[in-house]
Amino acid sequence: MARPKSREAILGEIQQLTISIDALKKKLTEHDKAEAARIGGLAMKAGLGSIAIPEEVLTKAFEELVARFRTEYPEVAQPTATRGRRARTAPENAGAEAE
């Protein structure tokens, strides 16, 4: 029978997971702030900043807007990598010289 991991090893794994979870929470917070700024900027650009609208009325309007667009655009677009290593395909005649 294999010997179970030591308590210290398990605590180390927990610590690593905690750090990872904290980092992901921070990324989520940063994402939410960026999206809030983006959407707020769009709302200002559209003129919402110059209209006195009660918060509950505006919230209801946003909920209706979300419901409308959720049917048109059901998935959130995932960002694509713009840097780093990319898989490249060789030109069609790349192997012709080697033959």
C-alpha atoms as a PDB file:
ATOM      1  CA  MET A   1       0.000   0.000   0.000  1.00  0.00           C
ATOM      2  CA  ALA A   2       1.375   3.402  -0.985  1.00  0.00           C
ATOM      3  CA  ARG A   3       2.164   5.760   1.812  1.00  0.00           C
ATOM      4  CA  PRO A   4      -0.125   8.805   1.864  1.00  0.00           C
ATOM      5  CA  LYS A   5       1.325  12.273   1.364  1.00  0.00           C
ATOM      6  CA  SER A   6       2.697  14.016   4.408  1.00  0.00           C
ATOM      7  CA  ARG A   7       0.625  16.641   6.154  1.00  0.00           C
ATOM      8  CA  GLU A   8       3.171  19.270   5.101  1.00  0.00           C
ATOM      9  CA  ALA A   9       2.861  18.256   1.444  1.00  0.00           C
ATOM     10  CA  ILE A  10      -0.922  18.520   1.622  1.00  0.00           C
ATOM     11  CA  LEU A  11      -0.704  21.906   3.358  1.00  0.00           C
ATOM     12  CA  GLY A  12       1.687  23.028   0.620  1.00  0.00           C
ATOM     13  CA  GLU A  13      -0.846  22.033  -2.030  1.00  0.00           C
ATOM     14  CA  ILE A  14      -3.557  23.923  -0.163  1.00  0.00           C
ATOM     15  CA  GLN A  15      -1.322  26.992  -0.024  1.00  0.00           C
ATOM     16  CA  GLN A  16      -0.690  26.796  -3.789  1.00  0.00           C
ATOM     17  CA  LEU A  17      -4.403  26.459  -4.463  1.00  0.00           C
ATOM     18  CA  THR A  18      -5.160  29.389  -2.185  1.00  0.00           C
ATOM     19  CA  ILE A  19      -2.654  31.535  -4.050  1.00  0.00           C
ATOM     20  CA  SER A  20      -4.155  30.450  -7.365  1.00  0.00           C
ATOM     21  CA  ILE A  21      -7.694  31.164  -6.185  1.00  0.00           C
ATOM     22  CA  ASP A  22      -6.649  34.573  -4.855  1.00  0.00           C
ATOM     23  CA  ALA A  23      -4.966  35.393  -8.174  1.00  0.00           C
ATOM     24  CA  LEU A  24      -8.081  34.350 -10.094  1.00  0.00           C
ATOM     25  CA  LYS A  25     -10.291  36.439  -7.798  1.00  0.00           C
ATOM     26  CA  LYS A  26      -8.018  39.423  -8.453  1.00  0.00           C
ATOM     27  CA  LYS A  27      -8.235  38.837 -12.225  1.00  0.00           C
ATOM     28  CA  LEU A  28     -12.025  38.625 -11.971  1.00  0.00           C
ATOM     29  CA  THR A  29     -12.173  41.884 -10.012  1.00  0.00           C
ATOM     30  CA  GLU A  30      -9.930  43.599 -12.583  1.00  0.00           C
ATOM     31  CA  HIS A  31     -12.090  42.234 -15.404  1.00  0.00           C
ATOM     32  CA  ASP A  32     -15.282  43.463 -13.765  1.00  0.00           C
ATOM     33  CA  LYS A  33     -13.791  46.945 -13.193  1.00  0.00           C
ATOM     34  CA  ALA A  34     -12.656  47.146 -16.820  1.00  0.00           C
ATOM     35  CA  GLU A  35     -16.080  46.054 -18.082  1.00  0.00           C
ATOM     36  CA  ALA A  36     -17.815  48.534 -15.763  1.00  0.00           C
ATOM     37  CA  ALA A  37     -15.601  51.325 -17.117  1.00  0.00           C
ATOM     38  CA  ARG A  38     -16.256  50.231 -20.714  1.00  0.00           C
ATOM     39  CA  ILE A  39     -20.018  49.990 -20.264  1.00  0.00           C
ATOM     40  CA  GLY A  40     -20.112  53.196 -18.231  1.00  0.00           C
ATOM     41  CA  GLY A  41     -18.216  54.978 -20.993  1.00  0.00           C
ATOM     42  CA  LEU A  42     -20.688  53.711 -23.565  1.00  0.00           C
ATOM     43  CA  ALA A  43     -23.595  54.845 -21.375  1.00  0.00           C
ATOM     44  CA  MET A  44     -22.041  58.313 -21.081  1.00  0.00           C
ATOM     45  CA  LYS A  45     -21.399  58.424 -24.825  1.00  0.00           C
ATOM     46  CA  ALA A  46     -25.062  57.564 -25.418  1.00  0.00           C
ATOM     47  CA  GLY A  47     -26.139  60.427 -23.144  1.00  0.00           C
ATOM     48  CA  LEU A  48     -27.280  58.563 -20.021  1.00  0.00           C
ATOM     49  CA  GLY A  49     -25.151  60.775 -17.805  1.00  0.00           C
ATOM     50  CA  SER A  50     -27.264  63.815 -18.601  1.00  0.00           C
ATOM     51  CA  ILE A  51     -30.587  62.210 -17.662  1.00  0.00           C
ATOM     52  CA  ALA A  52     -31.848  61.979 -14.083  1.00  0.00           C
ATOM     53  CA  ILE A  53     -33.076  58.387 -13.954  1.00  0.00           C
ATOM     54  CA  PRO A  54     -33.897  56.612 -10.672  1.00  0.00           C
ATOM     55  CA  GLU A  55     -31.508  53.704 -10.083  1.00  0.00           C
ATOM     56  CA  GLU A  56     -34.253  51.077 -10.000  1.00  0.00           C
ATOM     57  CA  VAL A  57     -35.657  52.297 -13.339  1.00  0.00           C
ATOM     58  CA  LEU A  58     -32.206  52.250 -14.927  1.00  0.00           C
ATOM     59  CA  THR A  59     -31.486  48.792 -13.495  1.00  0.00           C
ATOM     60  CA  LYS A  60     -34.763  47.492 -14.946  1.00  0.00           C
ATOM     61  CA  ALA A  61     -33.890  48.989 -18.350  1.00  0.00           C
ATOM     62  CA  PHE A  62     -30.451  47.347 -18.249  1.00  0.00           C
ATOM     63  CA  GLU A  63     -32.053  43.994 -17.361  1.00  0.00           C
ATOM     64  CA  GLU A  64     -34.367  44.337 -20.364  1.00  0.00           C
ATOM     65  CA  LEU A  65     -31.385  45.227 -22.560  1.00  0.00           C
ATOM     66  CA  VAL A  66     -29.487  42.173 -21.335  1.00  0.00           C
ATOM     67  CA  ALA A  67     -32.484  39.926 -22.034  1.00  0.00           C
ATOM     68  CA  ARG A  68     -32.783  41.362 -25.544  1.00  0.00           C
ATOM     69  CA  PHE A  69     -29.138  40.940 -26.452  1.00  0.00           C
ATOM     70  CA  ARG A  70     -28.702  37.602 -24.719  1.00  0.00           C
ATOM     71  CA  THR A  71     -30.948  36.020 -27.339  1.00  0.00           C
ATOM     72  CA  GLU A  72     -29.062  37.722 -30.201  1.00  0.00           C
ATOM     73  CA  TYR A  73     -25.591  37.174 -28.760  1.00  0.00           C
ATOM     74  CA  PRO A  74     -25.820  34.113 -26.492  1.00  0.00           C
ATOM     75  CA  GLU A  75     -22.097  33.607 -25.973  1.00  0.00           C
ATOM     76  CA  VAL A  76     -19.485  35.930 -24.612  1.00  0.00           C
ATOM     77  CA  ALA A  77     -16.623  36.160 -27.056  1.00  0.00           C
ATOM     78  CA  GLN A  78     -13.407  34.807 -25.600  1.00  0.00           C
ATOM     79  CA  PRO A  79     -10.338  36.925 -26.141  1.00  0.00           C
ATOM     80  CA  THR A  80      -7.800  35.585 -28.583  1.00  0.00           C
ATOM     81  CA  ALA A  81      -4.088  35.595 -27.949  1.00  0.00           C
ATOM     82  CA  THR A  82      -2.326  38.399 -29.740  1.00  0.00           C
ATOM     83  CA  ARG A  83       1.165  37.597 -28.535  1.00  0.00           C
ATOM     84  CA  GLY A  84       3.205  34.576 -27.744  1.00  0.00           C
ATOM     85  CA  ARG A  85       3.879  31.482 -29.732  1.00  0.00           C
ATOM     86  CA  ARG A  86       1.433  30.637 -32.425  1.00  0.00           C
ATOM     87  CA  ALA A  87       1.159  27.507 -34.444  1.00  0.00           C
ATOM     88  CA  ARG A  88       2.285  28.226 -37.954  1.00  0.00           C
ATOM     89  CA  THR A  89       1.684  26.232 -41.054  1.00  0.00           C
ATOM     90  CA  ALA A  90       4.422  25.752 -43.571  1.00  0.00           C
ATOM     91  CA  PRO A  91       3.913  27.099 -47.065  1.00  0.00           C
ATOM     92  CA  GLU A  92       2.519  24.547 -49.488  1.00  0.00           C
ATOM     93  CA  ASN A  93       5.804  24.073 -51.351  1.00  0.00           C
ATOM     94  CA  ALA A  94       8.078  24.187 -48.297  1.00  0.00           C
ATOM     95  CA  GLY A  95       8.982  20.501 -48.528  1.00  0.00           C
ATOM     96  CA  ALA A  96       9.535  20.520 -52.291  1.00  0.00           C
ATOM     97  CA  GLU A  97      13.170  21.654 -52.063  1.00  0.00           C
ATOM     98  CA  ALA A  98      14.089  18.848 -49.678  1.00  0.00           C
ATOM     99  CA  GLU A  99      12.995  16.111 -52.082  1.00  0.00           C
END
